[in-house]
Amino acid sequence: MSIVLLLLPIALLLASSFVAAFVWAGRHGQYDDLDTPAYRILLDDSERKAR
């Protein structure tokens, strides 16, 4: 039973840090453009250099 008293705060701290990182990434625009990175593989190298 004493291990639960140790693991529960560690799990809560870890979960809250992941939520905080997700919220931070969302506020700083990490999820604004989800389509363009998937299409970059289809572009030729010469098209990328011309931009």
C-alpha atoms as a PDB file:
ATOM      1  CA  MET A   1       0.000   0.000   0.000  1.00  0.00           C
ATOM      2  CA  SER A   2       2.871   2.367   0.655  1.00  0.00           C
ATOM      3  CA  ILE A   3       4.007   2.123  -2.983  1.00  0.00           C
ATOM      4  CA  VAL A   4       0.687   3.639  -4.052  1.00  0.00           C
ATOM      5  CA  LEU A   5       1.440   6.673  -1.922  1.00  0.00           C
ATOM      6  CA  LEU A   6       4.684   7.087  -3.849  1.00  0.00           C
ATOM      7  CA  LEU A   7       3.473   6.293  -7.357  1.00  0.00           C
ATOM      8  CA  LEU A   8       0.258   8.328  -7.307  1.00  0.00           C
ATOM      9  CA  PRO A   9       1.927  11.757  -6.914  1.00  0.00           C
ATOM     10  CA  ILE A  10       4.559  10.816  -9.490  1.00  0.00           C
ATOM     11  CA  ALA A  11       1.850   9.783 -11.968  1.00  0.00           C
ATOM     12  CA  LEU A  12      -0.118  12.967 -11.357  1.00  0.00           C
ATOM     13  CA  LEU A  13       2.988  15.101 -11.815  1.00  0.00           C
ATOM     14  CA  LEU A  14       3.885  13.311 -15.036  1.00  0.00           C
ATOM     15  CA  ALA A  15       0.352  13.588 -16.424  1.00  0.00           C
ATOM     16  CA  SER A  16       0.093  17.276 -15.575  1.00  0.00           C
ATOM     17  CA  SER A  17       3.434  17.958 -17.247  1.00  0.00           C
ATOM     18  CA  PHE A  18       2.224  16.281 -20.454  1.00  0.00           C
ATOM     19  CA  VAL A  19      -0.977  18.328 -20.387  1.00  0.00           C
ATOM     20  CA  ALA A  20       1.011  21.517 -19.809  1.00  0.00           C
ATOM     21  CA  ALA A  21       3.333  20.685 -22.729  1.00  0.00           C
ATOM     22  CA  PHE A  22       0.342  20.024 -24.990  1.00  0.00           C
ATOM     23  CA  VAL A  23      -1.319  23.309 -24.040  1.00  0.00           C
ATOM     24  CA  TRP A  24       1.952  25.202 -24.535  1.00  0.00           C
ATOM     25  CA  ALA A  25       2.437  23.670 -27.991  1.00  0.00           C
ATOM     26  CA  GLY A  26      -1.120  24.537 -28.967  1.00  0.00           C
ATOM     27  CA  ARG A  27      -0.761  28.148 -27.903  1.00  0.00           C
ATOM     28  CA  HIS A  28       2.521  28.557 -29.763  1.00  0.00           C
ATOM     29  CA  GLY A  29       1.165  27.384 -33.119  1.00  0.00           C
ATOM     30  CA  GLN A  30       2.570  23.874 -33.350  1.00  0.00           C
ATOM     31  CA  TYR A  31      -0.743  22.526 -34.677  1.00  0.00           C
ATOM     32  CA  ASP A  32      -1.667  25.367 -37.044  1.00  0.00           C
ATOM     33  CA  ASP A  33      -0.686  23.734 -40.345  1.00  0.00           C
ATOM     34  CA  LEU A  34      -1.091  19.972 -40.373  1.00  0.00           C
ATOM     35  CA  ASP A  35      -1.403  19.487 -44.156  1.00  0.00           C
ATOM     36  CA  THR A  36       1.687  21.129 -45.642  1.00  0.00           C
ATOM     37  CA  PRO A  37       4.339  18.862 -44.053  1.00  0.00           C
ATOM     38  CA  ALA A  38       2.638  15.812 -45.551  1.00  0.00           C
ATOM     39  CA  TYR A  39       2.765  17.330 -49.059  1.00  0.00           C
ATOM     40  CA  ARG A  40       6.426  18.382 -48.891  1.00  0.00           C
ATOM     41  CA  ILE A  41       7.556  14.852 -49.715  1.00  0.00           C
ATOM     42  CA  LEU A  42       5.741  15.116 -53.063  1.00  0.00           C
ATOM     43  CA  LEU A  43       7.573  18.288 -54.165  1.00  0.00           C
ATOM     44  CA  ASP A  44      10.683  18.140 -56.309  1.00  0.00           C
ATOM     45  CA  ASP A  45      13.941  19.408 -54.874  1.00  0.00           C
ATOM     46  CA  SER A  46      14.155  22.084 -57.580  1.00  0.00           C
ATOM     47  CA  GLU A  47      10.758  23.465 -56.532  1.00  0.00           C
ATOM     48  CA  ARG A  48      11.892  23.737 -52.924  1.00  0.00           C
ATOM     49  CA  LYS A  49      15.102  25.558 -53.860  1.00  0.00           C
ATOM     50  CA  ALA A  50      13.246  28.065 -56.058  1.00  0.00           C
ATOM     51  CA  ARG A  51      11.195  29.318 -53.111  1.00  0.00           C
END
